[in-house]
PDB file of all heavy atoms in Angstrom:
ATOM      1  N   LEU A   1      24.488  -8.083 -20.224  1.00  0.00           N
ATOM      2  CA  LEU A   1      23.992  -7.000 -21.064  1.00  0.00           C
ATOM      3  C   LEU A   1      22.468  -6.984 -21.110  1.00  0.00           C
ATOM      4  O   LEU A   1      21.825  -8.030 -20.997  1.00  0.00           O
ATOM      5  CB  LEU A   1      24.534  -7.149 -22.485  1.00  0.00           C
ATOM      6  CG  LEU A   1      26.041  -6.958 -22.662  1.00  0.00           C
ATOM      7  CD1 LEU A   1      26.477  -7.451 -24.040  1.00  0.00           C
ATOM      8  CD2 LEU A   1      26.429  -5.501 -22.470  1.00  0.00           C
ATOM      9  N   LEU A   2      21.910  -5.824 -21.285  1.00  0.00           N
ATOM     10  CA  LEU A   2      20.478  -5.709 -21.534  1.00  0.00           C
ATOM     11  C   LEU A   2      20.135  -6.430 -22.839  1.00  0.00           C
ATOM     12  O   LEU A   2      21.001  -6.614 -23.702  1.00  0.00           O
ATOM     13  CB  LEU A   2      20.069  -4.241 -21.632  1.00  0.00           C
ATOM     14  CG  LEU A   2      20.122  -3.418 -20.336  1.00  0.00           C
ATOM     15  CD1 LEU A   2      19.877  -1.947 -20.646  1.00  0.00           C
ATOM     16  CD2 LEU A   2      19.102  -3.927 -19.330  1.00  0.00           C
ATOM     17  N   PRO A   3      18.883  -6.847 -23.027  1.00  0.00           N
ATOM     18  CA  PRO A   3      18.515  -7.570 -24.250  1.00  0.00           C
ATOM     19  C   PRO A   3      18.816  -6.767 -25.511  1.00  0.00           C
ATOM     20  O   PRO A   3      18.653  -5.544 -25.547  1.00  0.00           O
ATOM     21  CB  PRO A   3      17.002  -7.780 -24.091  1.00  0.00           C
ATOM     22  CG  PRO A   3      16.739  -7.681 -22.639  1.00  0.00           C
ATOM     23  CD  PRO A   3      17.739  -6.710 -22.102  1.00  0.00           C
ATOM     24  N   GLY A   4      19.273  -7.486 -26.533  1.00  0.00           N
ATOM     25  CA  GLY A   4      19.465  -6.878 -27.838  1.00  0.00           C
ATOM     26  C   GLY A   4      20.777  -6.159 -28.041  1.00  0.00           C
ATOM     27  O   GLY A   4      20.929  -5.434 -29.031  1.00  0.00           O
ATOM     28  N   ILE A   5      21.741  -6.366 -27.146  1.00  0.00           N
ATOM     29  CA  ILE A   5      23.033  -5.691 -27.249  1.00  0.00           C
ATOM     30  C   ILE A   5      24.138  -6.732 -27.399  1.00  0.00           C
ATOM     31  O   ILE A   5      24.170  -7.727 -26.669  1.00  0.00           O
ATOM     32  CB  ILE A   5      23.304  -4.800 -26.017  1.00  0.00           C
ATOM     33  CG1 ILE A   5      22.181  -3.770 -25.848  1.00  0.00           C
ATOM     34  CG2 ILE A   5      24.657  -4.106 -26.131  1.00  0.00           C
ATOM     35  CD1 ILE A   5      22.276  -2.961 -24.567  1.00  0.00           C
ATOM     36  N   GLU A   6      25.041  -6.501 -28.353  1.00  0.00           N
ATOM     37  CA  GLU A   6      26.165  -7.402 -28.598  1.00  0.00           C
ATOM     38  C   GLU A   6      27.423  -6.868 -27.912  1.00  0.00           C
ATOM     39  O   GLU A   6      27.581  -5.657 -27.718  1.00  0.00           O
ATOM     40  CB  GLU A   6      26.434  -7.515 -30.106  1.00  0.00           C
ATOM     41  CG  GLU A   6      25.249  -7.999 -30.914  1.00  0.00           C
ATOM     42  CD  GLU A   6      24.850  -9.413 -30.562  1.00  0.00           C
ATOM     43  OE1 GLU A   6      25.737 -10.288 -30.523  1.00  0.00           O
ATOM     44  OE2 GLU A   6      23.649  -9.635 -30.325  1.00  0.00           O
ATOM     45  N   LYS A   7      28.333  -7.776 -27.575  1.00  0.00           N
ATOM     46  CA  LYS A   7      29.596  -7.361 -26.959  1.00  0.00           C
ATOM     47  C   LYS A   7      30.510  -6.660 -27.947  1.00  0.00           C
ATOM     48  O   LYS A   7      31.219  -5.727 -27.600  1.00  0.00           O
ATOM     49  CB  LYS A   7      30.317  -8.582 -26.369  1.00  0.00           C
ATOM     50  CG  LYS A   7      29.634  -9.196 -25.157  1.00  0.00           C
ATOM     51  CD  LYS A   7      30.441 -10.373 -24.625  1.00  0.00           C
ATOM     52  CE  LYS A   7      29.766 -10.995 -23.409  1.00  0.00           C
ATOM     53  NZ  LYS A   7      30.529 -12.163 -22.887  1.00  0.00           N
ATOM     54  N   ASP A   8      30.494  -7.133 -29.203  1.00  0.00           N
ATOM     55  CA  ASP A   8      31.481  -6.678 -30.183  1.00  0.00           C
ATOM     56  C   ASP A   8      30.823  -6.591 -31.551  1.00  0.00           C
ATOM     57  O   ASP A   8      30.136  -7.524 -31.963  1.00  0.00           O
ATOM     58  CB  ASP A   8      32.632  -7.691 -30.217  1.00  0.00           C
ATOM     59  CG  ASP A   8      33.807  -7.235 -31.066  1.00  0.00           C
ATOM     60  OD1 ASP A   8      33.603  -6.403 -31.963  1.00  0.00           O
ATOM     61  OD2 ASP A   8      34.925  -7.729 -30.849  1.00  0.00           O
ATOM     62  N   PRO A   9      31.019  -5.492 -32.286  1.00  0.00           N
ATOM     63  CA  PRO A   9      30.378  -5.378 -33.599  1.00  0.00           C
ATOM     64  C   PRO A   9      31.050  -6.193 -34.691  1.00  0.00           C
ATOM     65  O   PRO A   9      30.471  -6.385 -35.765  1.00  0.00           O
ATOM     66  CB  PRO A   9      30.493  -3.887 -33.908  1.00  0.00           C
ATOM     67  CG  PRO A   9      31.730  -3.455 -33.189  1.00  0.00           C
ATOM     68  CD  PRO A   9      31.761  -4.278 -31.916  1.00  0.00           C
ATOM     69  N   GLY A  10      32.273  -6.658 -34.462  1.00  0.00           N
ATOM     70  CA  GLY A  10      33.009  -7.358 -35.505  1.00  0.00           C
ATOM     71  C   GLY A  10      34.063  -6.463 -36.128  1.00  0.00           C
ATOM     72  O   GLY A  10      34.157  -5.266 -35.841  1.00  0.00           O
ATOM     73  N   VAL A  11      34.849  -7.038 -37.009  1.00  0.00           N
ATOM     74  CA  VAL A  11      35.950  -6.321 -37.643  1.00  0.00           C
ATOM     75  C   VAL A  11      35.417  -5.373 -38.709  1.00  0.00           C
ATOM     76  O   VAL A  11      34.574  -5.754 -39.534  1.00  0.00           O
ATOM     77  CB  VAL A  11      36.952  -7.319 -38.264  1.00  0.00           C
ATOM     78  CG1 VAL A  11      38.083  -6.582 -38.979  1.00  0.00           C
ATOM     79  CG2 VAL A  11      37.515  -8.242 -37.189  1.00  0.00           C
ATOM     80  N   GLU A  12      35.889  -4.142 -38.698  1.00  0.00           N
ATOM     81  CA  GLU A  12      35.426  -3.143 -39.652  1.00  0.00           C
ATOM     82  C   GLU A  12      35.584  -3.629 -41.088  1.00  0.00           C
ATOM     83  O   GLU A  12      36.623  -4.175 -41.476  1.00  0.00           O
ATOM     84  CB  GLU A  12      36.217  -1.836 -39.451  1.00  0.00           C
ATOM     85  CG  GLU A  12      35.683  -0.651 -40.212  1.00  0.00           C
ATOM     86  CD  GLU A  12      34.447  -0.012 -39.567  1.00  0.00           C
ATOM     87  OE1 GLU A  12      33.770  -0.690 -38.763  1.00  0.00           O
ATOM     88  OE2 GLU A  12      34.164   1.151 -39.871  1.00  0.00           O
ATOM     89  N   PHE A  13      34.525  -3.473 -41.877  1.00  0.00           N
ATOM     90  CA  PHE A  13      34.435  -3.824 -43.298  1.00  0.00           C
ATOM     91  C   PHE A  13      34.356  -5.332 -43.558  1.00  0.00           C
ATOM     92  O   PHE A  13      34.327  -5.744 -44.713  1.00  0.00           O
ATOM     93  CB  PHE A  13      35.598  -3.237 -44.110  1.00  0.00           C
ATOM     94  CG  PHE A  13      35.779  -1.756 -43.943  1.00  0.00           C
ATOM     95  CD1 PHE A  13      37.053  -1.203 -43.843  1.00  0.00           C
ATOM     96  CD2 PHE A  13      34.689  -0.900 -43.875  1.00  0.00           C
ATOM     97  CE1 PHE A  13      37.220   0.163 -43.683  1.00  0.00           C
ATOM     98  CE2 PHE A  13      34.850   0.464 -43.721  1.00  0.00           C
ATOM     99  CZ  PHE A  13      36.126   0.994 -43.616  1.00  0.00           C
ATOM    100  N   SER A  14      34.324  -6.141 -42.501  1.00  0.00           N
ATOM    101  CA  SER A  14      34.211  -7.590 -42.696  1.00  0.00           C
ATOM    102  C   SER A  14      32.758  -7.976 -42.936  1.00  0.00           C
ATOM    103  O   SER A  14      31.832  -7.247 -42.575  1.00  0.00           O
ATOM    104  CB  SER A  14      34.747  -8.338 -41.478  1.00  0.00           C
ATOM    105  OG  SER A  14      33.943  -8.080 -40.334  1.00  0.00           O
ATOM    106  N   GLY A  15      32.551  -9.142 -43.553  1.00  0.00           N
ATOM    107  CA  GLY A  15      31.210  -9.631 -43.802  1.00  0.00           C
ATOM    108  C   GLY A  15      30.645 -10.361 -42.605  1.00  0.00           C
ATOM    109  O   GLY A  15      31.361 -10.727 -41.667  1.00  0.00           O
ATOM    110  N   ASP A  16      29.329 -10.574 -42.616  1.00  0.00           N
ATOM    111  CA  ASP A  16      28.669 -11.334 -41.560  1.00  0.00           C
ATOM    112  C   ASP A  16      27.345 -11.867 -42.093  1.00  0.00           C
ATOM    113  O   ASP A  16      26.998 -11.649 -43.251  1.00  0.00           O
ATOM    114  CB  ASP A  16      28.460 -10.486 -40.302  1.00  0.00           C
ATOM    115  CG  ASP A  16      27.725  -9.171 -40.558  1.00  0.00           C
ATOM    116  OD1 ASP A  16      26.871  -9.129 -41.469  1.00  0.00           O
ATOM    117  OD2 ASP A  16      27.991  -8.192 -39.850  1.00  0.00           O
ATOM    118  N   ARG A  17      26.602 -12.559 -41.257  1.00  0.00           N
ATOM    119  CA  ARG A  17      25.300 -13.117 -41.652  1.00  0.00           C
ATOM    120  C   ARG A  17      24.157 -12.280 -41.090  1.00  0.00           C
ATOM    121  O   ARG A  17      23.033 -12.758 -40.964  1.00  0.00           O
ATOM    122  CB  ARG A  17      25.187 -14.562 -41.154  1.00  0.00           C
ATOM    123  CG  ARG A  17      26.255 -15.504 -41.684  1.00  0.00           C
ATOM    124  CD  ARG A  17      26.061 -15.853 -43.139  1.00  0.00           C
ATOM    125  NE  ARG A  17      24.920 -16.737 -43.358  1.00  0.00           N
ATOM    126  CZ  ARG A  17      24.532 -17.153 -44.560  1.00  0.00           C
ATOM    127  NH1 ARG A  17      25.185 -16.743 -45.642  1.00  0.00           N
ATOM    128  NH2 ARG A  17      23.494 -17.954 -44.690  1.00  0.00           N
ATOM    129  N   LYS A  18      24.413 -11.035 -40.787  1.00  0.00           N
ATOM    130  CA  LYS A  18      23.429 -10.160 -40.159  1.00  0.00           C
ATOM    131  C   LYS A  18      22.734  -9.301 -41.218  1.00  0.00           C
ATOM    132  O   LYS A  18      23.357  -8.872 -42.180  1.00  0.00           O
ATOM    133  CB  LYS A  18      24.122  -9.273 -39.121  1.00  0.00           C
ATOM    134  CG  LYS A  18      24.849 -10.076 -38.041  1.00  0.00           C
ATOM    135  CD  LYS A  18      25.718  -9.200 -37.164  1.00  0.00           C
ATOM    136  CE  LYS A  18      26.500 -10.033 -36.150  1.00  0.00           C
ATOM    137  NZ  LYS A  18      27.415  -9.211 -35.331  1.00  0.00           N
ATOM    138  N   VAL A  19      21.435  -9.052 -41.011  1.00  0.00           N
ATOM    139  CA  VAL A  19      20.654  -8.280 -41.974  1.00  0.00           C
ATOM    140  C   VAL A  19      20.101  -7.020 -41.318  1.00  0.00           C
ATOM    141  O   VAL A  19      19.921  -6.952 -40.100  1.00  0.00           O
ATOM    142  CB  VAL A  19      19.502  -9.110 -42.576  1.00  0.00           C
ATOM    143  CG1 VAL A  19      20.050 -10.252 -43.409  1.00  0.00           C
ATOM    144  CG2 VAL A  19      18.577  -9.651 -41.499  1.00  0.00           C
ATOM    145  N   GLN A  20      19.831  -6.018 -42.154  1.00  0.00           N
ATOM    146  CA  GLN A  20      19.342  -4.752 -41.616  1.00  0.00           C
ATOM    147  C   GLN A  20      17.971  -4.919 -40.980  1.00  0.00           C
ATOM    148  O   GLN A  20      17.192  -5.806 -41.338  1.00  0.00           O
ATOM    149  CB  GLN A  20      19.328  -3.676 -42.688  1.00  0.00           C
ATOM    150  CG  GLN A  20      18.473  -3.948 -43.903  1.00  0.00           C
ATOM    151  CD  GLN A  20      18.432  -2.760 -44.840  1.00  0.00           C
ATOM    152  OE1 GLN A  20      18.090  -1.633 -44.434  1.00  0.00           O
ATOM    153  NE2 GLN A  20      18.788  -2.968 -46.093  1.00  0.00           N
ATOM    154  N   ALA A  21      17.683  -4.055 -40.019  1.00  0.00           N
ATOM    155  CA  ALA A  21      16.530  -4.211 -39.136  1.00  0.00           C
ATOM    156  C   ALA A  21      15.204  -4.133 -39.880  1.00  0.00           C
ATOM    157  O   ALA A  21      15.050  -3.423 -40.872  1.00  0.00           O
ATOM    158  CB  ALA A  21      16.573  -3.149 -38.044  1.00  0.00           C
ATOM    159  N   TYR A  22      14.223  -4.877 -39.365  1.00  0.00           N
ATOM    160  CA  TYR A  22      12.847  -4.863 -39.858  1.00  0.00           C
ATOM    161  C   TYR A  22      11.977  -4.038 -38.901  1.00  0.00           C
ATOM    162  O   TYR A  22      12.296  -3.843 -37.724  1.00  0.00           O
ATOM    163  CB  TYR A  22      12.259  -6.279 -39.902  1.00  0.00           C
ATOM    164  CG  TYR A  22      12.980  -7.297 -40.755  1.00  0.00           C
ATOM    165  CD1 TYR A  22      12.672  -8.657 -40.612  1.00  0.00           C
ATOM    166  CD2 TYR A  22      13.947  -6.948 -41.690  1.00  0.00           C
ATOM    167  CE1 TYR A  22      13.300  -9.633 -41.382  1.00  0.00           C
ATOM    168  CE2 TYR A  22      14.577  -7.918 -42.462  1.00  0.00           C
ATOM    169  CZ  TYR A  22      14.256  -9.261 -42.299  1.00  0.00           C
ATOM    170  OH  TYR A  22      14.882 -10.218 -43.050  1.00  0.00           O
ATOM    171  N   ASN A  23      10.845  -3.600 -39.412  1.00  0.00           N
ATOM    172  CA  ASN A  23       9.821  -2.993 -38.563  1.00  0.00           C
ATOM    173  C   ASN A  23       8.476  -3.086 -39.268  1.00  0.00           C
ATOM    174  O   ASN A  23       8.350  -3.725 -40.313  1.00  0.00           O
ATOM    175  CB  ASN A  23      10.164  -1.534 -38.216  1.00  0.00           C
ATOM    176  CG  ASN A  23      10.044  -0.568 -39.391  1.00  0.00           C
ATOM    177  OD1 ASN A  23      10.002  -0.974 -40.558  1.00  0.00           O
ATOM    178  ND2 ASN A  23      10.002   0.718 -39.103  1.00  0.00           N
ATOM    179  N   PHE A  24       7.467  -2.471 -38.698  1.00  0.00           N
ATOM    180  CA  PHE A  24       6.156  -2.338 -39.329  1.00  0.00           C
ATOM    181  C   PHE A  24       5.921  -0.856 -39.611  1.00  0.00           C
ATOM    182  O   PHE A  24       6.183  -0.010 -38.744  1.00  0.00           O
ATOM    183  CB  PHE A  24       5.041  -2.865 -38.427  1.00  0.00           C
ATOM    184  CG  PHE A  24       5.065  -4.352 -38.225  1.00  0.00           C
ATOM    185  CD1 PHE A  24       5.796  -4.908 -37.186  1.00  0.00           C
ATOM    186  CD2 PHE A  24       4.361  -5.206 -39.059  1.00  0.00           C
ATOM    187  CE1 PHE A  24       5.826  -6.279 -36.987  1.00  0.00           C
ATOM    188  CE2 PHE A  24       4.384  -6.578 -38.874  1.00  0.00           C
ATOM    189  CZ  PHE A  24       5.118  -7.115 -37.832  1.00  0.00           C
ATOM    190  N   ARG A  25       5.434  -0.545 -40.804  1.00  0.00           N
ATOM    191  CA  ARG A  25       5.133   0.840 -41.149  1.00  0.00           C
ATOM    192  C   ARG A  25       3.697   1.131 -40.715  1.00  0.00           C
ATOM    193  O   ARG A  25       2.734   0.799 -41.411  1.00  0.00           O
ATOM    194  CB  ARG A  25       5.328   1.061 -42.653  1.00  0.00           C
ATOM    195  CG  ARG A  25       6.758   0.805 -43.133  1.00  0.00           C
ATOM    196  CD  ARG A  25       7.735   1.859 -42.678  1.00  0.00           C
ATOM    197  NE  ARG A  25       7.594   3.069 -43.438  1.00  0.00           N
ATOM    198  CZ  ARG A  25       8.398   3.424 -44.452  1.00  0.00           C
ATOM    199  NH1 ARG A  25       9.408   2.662 -44.802  1.00  0.00           N
ATOM    200  NH2 ARG A  25       8.203   4.560 -45.097  1.00  0.00           N
ATOM    201  N   MET A  26       3.576   1.736 -39.542  1.00  0.00           N
ATOM    202  CA  MET A  26       2.258   1.930 -38.937  1.00  0.00           C
ATOM    203  C   MET A  26       1.472   3.043 -39.622  1.00  0.00           C
ATOM    204  O   MET A  26       2.016   4.091 -39.956  1.00  0.00           O
ATOM    205  CB  MET A  26       2.418   2.273 -37.456  1.00  0.00           C
ATOM    206  CG  MET A  26       3.082   1.198 -36.634  1.00  0.00           C
ATOM    207  SD  MET A  26       3.235   1.653 -34.882  1.00  0.00           S
ATOM    208  CE  MET A  26       4.311   3.080 -34.981  1.00  0.00           C
ATOM    209  N   CYS A  27       0.197   2.803 -39.800  1.00  0.00           N
ATOM    210  CA  CYS A  27      -0.715   3.825 -40.299  1.00  0.00           C
ATOM    211  C   CYS A  27      -1.407   4.450 -39.094  1.00  0.00           C
ATOM    212  O   CYS A  27      -2.309   3.853 -38.499  1.00  0.00           O
ATOM    213  CB  CYS A  27      -1.742   3.236 -41.259  1.00  0.00           C
ATOM    214  SG  CYS A  27      -2.813   4.496 -41.994  1.00  0.00           S
ATOM    215  N   THR A  28      -0.951   5.645 -38.717  1.00  0.00           N
ATOM    216  CA  THR A  28      -1.502   6.325 -37.551  1.00  0.00           C
ATOM    217  C   THR A  28      -2.289   7.555 -38.002  1.00  0.00           C
ATOM    218  O   THR A  28      -2.236   7.968 -39.159  1.00  0.00           O
ATOM    219  CB  THR A  28      -0.389   6.760 -36.585  1.00  0.00           C
ATOM    220  OG1 THR A  28       0.433   7.754 -37.224  1.00  0.00           O
ATOM    221  CG2 THR A  28       0.467   5.567 -36.189  1.00  0.00           C
ATOM    222  N   THR A  29      -2.988   8.153 -37.066  1.00  0.00           N
ATOM    223  CA  THR A  29      -3.773   9.357 -37.358  1.00  0.00           C
ATOM    224  C   THR A  29      -3.844  10.247 -36.131  1.00  0.00           C
ATOM    225  O   THR A  29      -3.692   9.775 -34.993  1.00  0.00           O
ATOM    226  CB  THR A  29      -5.194   8.991 -37.816  1.00  0.00           C
ATOM    227  OG1 THR A  29      -5.909  10.188 -38.141  1.00  0.00           O
ATOM    228  CG2 THR A  29      -5.960   8.239 -36.737  1.00  0.00           C
ATOM    229  N   ASP A  30      -4.089  11.535 -36.363  1.00  0.00           N
ATOM    230  CA  ASP A  30      -4.348  12.463 -35.264  1.00  0.00           C
ATOM    231  C   ASP A  30      -5.823  12.827 -35.174  1.00  0.00           C
ATOM    232  O   ASP A  30      -6.211  13.685 -34.380  1.00  0.00           O
ATOM    233  CB  ASP A  30      -3.491  13.726 -35.400  1.00  0.00           C
ATOM    234  CG  ASP A  30      -3.855  14.567 -36.619  1.00  0.00           C
ATOM    235  OD1 ASP A  30      -4.668  14.114 -37.459  1.00  0.00           O
ATOM    236  OD2 ASP A  30      -3.316  15.683 -36.755  1.00  0.00           O
ATOM    237  N   ASP A  31      -6.647  12.188 -35.993  1.00  0.00           N
ATOM    238  CA  ASP A  31      -8.088  12.428 -35.981  1.00  0.00           C
ATOM    239  C   ASP A  31      -8.695  11.699 -34.785  1.00  0.00           C
ATOM    240  O   ASP A  31      -8.711  10.464 -34.743  1.00  0.00           O
ATOM    241  CB  ASP A  31      -8.705  11.940 -37.286  1.00  0.00           C
ATOM    242  CG  ASP A  31     -10.211  12.106 -37.315  1.00  0.00           C
ATOM    243  OD1 ASP A  31     -10.719  13.049 -36.666  1.00  0.00           O
ATOM    244  OD2 ASP A  31     -10.887  11.293 -37.967  1.00  0.00           O
ATOM    245  N   ALA A  32      -9.181  12.450 -33.805  1.00  0.00           N
ATOM    246  CA  ALA A  32      -9.639  11.869 -32.541  1.00  0.00           C
ATOM    247  C   ALA A  32     -10.704  10.798 -32.747  1.00  0.00           C
ATOM    248  O   ALA A  32     -10.727   9.784 -32.041  1.00  0.00           O
ATOM    249  CB  ALA A  32     -10.163  12.967 -31.620  1.00  0.00           C
ATOM    250  N   ALA A  33     -11.573  10.994 -33.728  1.00  0.00           N
ATOM    251  CA  ALA A  33     -12.659  10.032 -33.949  1.00  0.00           C
ATOM    252  C   ALA A  33     -12.153   8.734 -34.572  1.00  0.00           C
ATOM    253  O   ALA A  33     -12.842   7.708 -34.506  1.00  0.00           O
ATOM    254  CB  ALA A  33     -13.727  10.664 -34.842  1.00  0.00           C
ATOM    255  N   ASN A  34     -10.985   8.761 -35.161  1.00  0.00           N
ATOM    256  CA  ASN A  34     -10.473   7.592 -35.879  1.00  0.00           C
ATOM    257  C   ASN A  34      -9.210   7.020 -35.240  1.00  0.00           C
ATOM    258  O   ASN A  34      -8.600   6.114 -35.785  1.00  0.00           O
ATOM    259  CB  ASN A  34     -10.177   7.989 -37.338  1.00  0.00           C
ATOM    260  CG  ASN A  34      -9.992   6.796 -38.255  1.00  0.00           C
ATOM    261  OD1 ASN A  34     -10.602   5.742 -38.055  1.00  0.00           O
ATOM    262  ND2 ASN A  34      -9.142   6.943 -39.248  1.00  0.00           N
ATOM    263  N   LYS A  35      -8.838   7.536 -34.079  1.00  0.00           N
ATOM    264  CA  LYS A  35      -7.547   7.200 -33.473  1.00  0.00           C
ATOM    265  C   LYS A  35      -7.698   6.269 -32.278  1.00  0.00           C
ATOM    266  O   LYS A  35      -8.549   6.489 -31.411  1.00  0.00           O
ATOM    267  CB  LYS A  35      -6.846   8.488 -33.019  1.00  0.00           C
ATOM    268  CG  LYS A  35      -5.466   8.279 -32.418  1.00  0.00           C
ATOM    269  CD  LYS A  35      -4.865   9.593 -31.922  1.00  0.00           C
ATOM    270  CE  LYS A  35      -5.526  10.034 -30.626  1.00  0.00           C
ATOM    271  NZ  LYS A  35      -4.811  11.158 -29.977  1.00  0.00           N
ATOM    272  N   ARG A  36      -6.855   5.234 -32.230  1.00  0.00           N
ATOM    273  CA  ARG A  36      -6.773   4.362 -31.061  1.00  0.00           C
ATOM    274  C   ARG A  36      -5.646   4.825 -30.144  1.00  0.00           C
ATOM    275  O   ARG A  36      -4.614   5.315 -30.605  1.00  0.00           O
ATOM    276  CB  ARG A  36      -6.493   2.920 -31.482  1.00  0.00           C
ATOM    277  CG  ARG A  36      -7.630   2.249 -32.198  1.00  0.00           C
ATOM    278  CD  ARG A  36      -7.308   0.820 -32.542  1.00  0.00           C
ATOM    279  NE  ARG A  36      -6.944   0.005 -31.387  1.00  0.00           N
ATOM    280  CZ  ARG A  36      -6.831  -1.316 -31.407  1.00  0.00           C
ATOM    281  NH1 ARG A  36      -7.054  -1.987 -32.532  1.00  0.00           N
ATOM    282  NH2 ARG A  36      -6.505  -1.992 -30.337  1.00  0.00           N
ATOM    283  N   ASP A  37      -5.822   4.617 -28.870  1.00  0.00           N
ATOM    284  CA  ASP A  37      -4.747   4.900 -27.928  1.00  0.00           C
ATOM    285  C   ASP A  37      -3.731   3.761 -27.994  1.00  0.00           C
ATOM    286  O   ASP A  37      -4.050   2.641 -28.414  1.00  0.00           O
ATOM    287  CB  ASP A  37      -5.314   5.032 -26.510  1.00  0.00           C
ATOM    288  CG  ASP A  37      -4.282   5.564 -25.520  1.00  0.00           C
ATOM    289  OD1 ASP A  37      -3.237   6.079 -25.983  1.00  0.00           O
ATOM    290  OD2 ASP A  37      -4.503   5.452 -24.305  1.00  0.00           O
ATOM    291  N   TRP A  38      -2.497   4.054 -27.582  1.00  0.00           N
ATOM    292  CA  TRP A  38      -1.476   3.006 -27.509  1.00  0.00           C
ATOM    293  C   TRP A  38      -1.743   2.128 -26.302  1.00  0.00           C
ATOM    294  O   TRP A  38      -1.774   2.609 -25.159  1.00  0.00           O
ATOM    295  CB  TRP A  38      -0.082   3.622 -27.435  1.00  0.00           C
ATOM    296  CG  TRP A  38       0.251   4.463 -28.632  1.00  0.00           C
ATOM    297  CD1 TRP A  38       0.406   5.821 -28.666  1.00  0.00           C
ATOM    298  CD2 TRP A  38       0.432   4.002 -29.972  1.00  0.00           C
ATOM    299  NE1 TRP A  38       0.678   6.240 -29.945  1.00  0.00           N
ATOM    300  CE2 TRP A  38       0.710   5.147 -30.767  1.00  0.00           C
ATOM    301  CE3 TRP A  38       0.395   2.751 -30.571  1.00  0.00           C
ATOM    302  CZ2 TRP A  38       0.946   5.064 -32.140  1.00  0.00           C
ATOM    303  CZ3 TRP A  38       0.633   2.667 -31.943  1.00  0.00           C
ATOM    304  CH2 TRP A  38       0.902   3.803 -32.707  1.00  0.00           C
ATOM    305  N   GLU A  39      -1.947   0.849 -26.551  1.00  0.00           N
ATOM    306  CA  GLU A  39      -2.314  -0.089 -25.501  1.00  0.00           C
ATOM    307  C   GLU A  39      -1.103  -0.909 -25.064  1.00  0.00           C
ATOM    308  O   GLU A  39      -0.257  -1.270 -25.877  1.00  0.00           O
ATOM    309  CB  GLU A  39      -3.420  -1.021 -26.008  1.00  0.00           C
ATOM    310  CG  GLU A  39      -4.677  -0.276 -26.425  1.00  0.00           C
ATOM    311  CD  GLU A  39      -5.623  -1.128 -27.254  1.00  0.00           C
ATOM    312  OE1 GLU A  39      -5.404  -2.356 -27.314  1.00  0.00           O
ATOM    313  OE2 GLU A  39      -6.553  -0.578 -27.863  1.00  0.00           O
ATOM    314  N   LYS A  40      -1.035  -1.225 -23.794  1.00  0.00           N
ATOM    315  CA  LYS A  40       0.061  -2.026 -23.256  1.00  0.00           C
ATOM    316  C   LYS A  40      -0.160  -3.488 -23.631  1.00  0.00           C
ATOM    317  O   LYS A  40      -1.184  -4.077 -23.289  1.00  0.00           O
ATOM    318  CB  LYS A  40       0.116  -1.883 -21.737  1.00  0.00           C
ATOM    319  CG  LYS A  40       1.319  -2.555 -21.089  1.00  0.00           C
ATOM    320  CD  LYS A  40       1.346  -2.276 -19.589  1.00  0.00           C
ATOM    321  CE  LYS A  40       2.582  -2.869 -18.941  1.00  0.00           C
ATOM    322  NZ  LYS A  40       2.628  -2.585 -17.481  1.00  0.00           N
ATOM    323  N   PRO A  41       0.781  -4.098 -24.354  1.00  0.00           N
ATOM    324  CA  PRO A  41       0.596  -5.507 -24.735  1.00  0.00           C
ATOM    325  C   PRO A  41       0.488  -6.423 -23.521  1.00  0.00           C
ATOM    326  O   PRO A  41       1.106  -6.171 -22.474  1.00  0.00           O
ATOM    327  CB  PRO A  41       1.869  -5.817 -25.538  1.00  0.00           C
ATOM    328  CG  PRO A  41       2.363  -4.482 -25.997  1.00  0.00           C
ATOM    329  CD  PRO A  41       2.003  -3.523 -24.912  1.00  0.00           C
ATOM    330  N   ALA A  42      -0.274  -7.471 -23.667  1.00  0.00           N
ATOM    331  CA  ALA A  42      -0.496  -8.402 -22.553  1.00  0.00           C
ATOM    332  C   ALA A  42       0.808  -9.053 -22.096  1.00  0.00           C
ATOM    333  O   ALA A  42       0.978  -9.361 -20.902  1.00  0.00           O
ATOM    334  CB  ALA A  42      -1.501  -9.479 -22.966  1.00  0.00           C
ATOM    335  N   ASN A  43       1.741  -9.265 -23.022  1.00  0.00           N
ATOM    336  CA  ASN A  43       3.010  -9.922 -22.678  1.00  0.00           C
ATOM    337  C   ASN A  43       4.156  -8.919 -22.578  1.00  0.00           C
ATOM    338  O   ASN A  43       5.319  -9.270 -22.842  1.00  0.00           O
ATOM    339  CB  ASN A  43       3.341 -10.996 -23.708  1.00  0.00           C
ATOM    340  CG  ASN A  43       3.458 -10.428 -25.115  1.00  0.00           C
ATOM    341  OD1 ASN A  43       3.056  -9.285 -25.353  1.00  0.00           O
ATOM    342  ND2 ASN A  43       4.005 -11.205 -26.025  1.00  0.00           N
ATOM    343  N   TYR A  44       3.859  -7.693 -22.207  1.00  0.00           N
ATOM    344  CA  TYR A  44       4.857  -6.628 -22.088  1.00  0.00           C
ATOM    345  C   TYR A  44       5.989  -7.050 -21.163  1.00  0.00           C
ATOM    346  O   TYR A  44       5.770  -7.464 -20.027  1.00  0.00           O
ATOM    347  CB  TYR A  44       4.187  -5.364 -21.562  1.00  0.00           C
ATOM    348  CG  TYR A  44       5.088  -4.152 -21.429  1.00  0.00           C
ATOM    349  CD1 TYR A  44       5.341  -3.338 -22.525  1.00  0.00           C
ATOM    350  CD2 TYR A  44       5.661  -3.815 -20.207  1.00  0.00           C
ATOM    351  CE1 TYR A  44       6.143  -2.209 -22.407  1.00  0.00           C
ATOM    352  CE2 TYR A  44       6.465  -2.692 -20.077  1.00  0.00           C
ATOM    353  CZ  TYR A  44       6.716  -1.897 -21.183  1.00  0.00           C
ATOM    354  OH  TYR A  44       7.510  -0.778 -21.064  1.00  0.00           O
TER     355      TYR A  44
END
């Protein structure tokens, strides 16, 4: 499987030790003078 994919979700309505996904709430802008371009991470 590609990274981050499970074979089986588990039994419907059963419990597990899994938690809802995290992310970062990015502060972006469309103001050209204040905006950075999206850069490719070094360890992409």
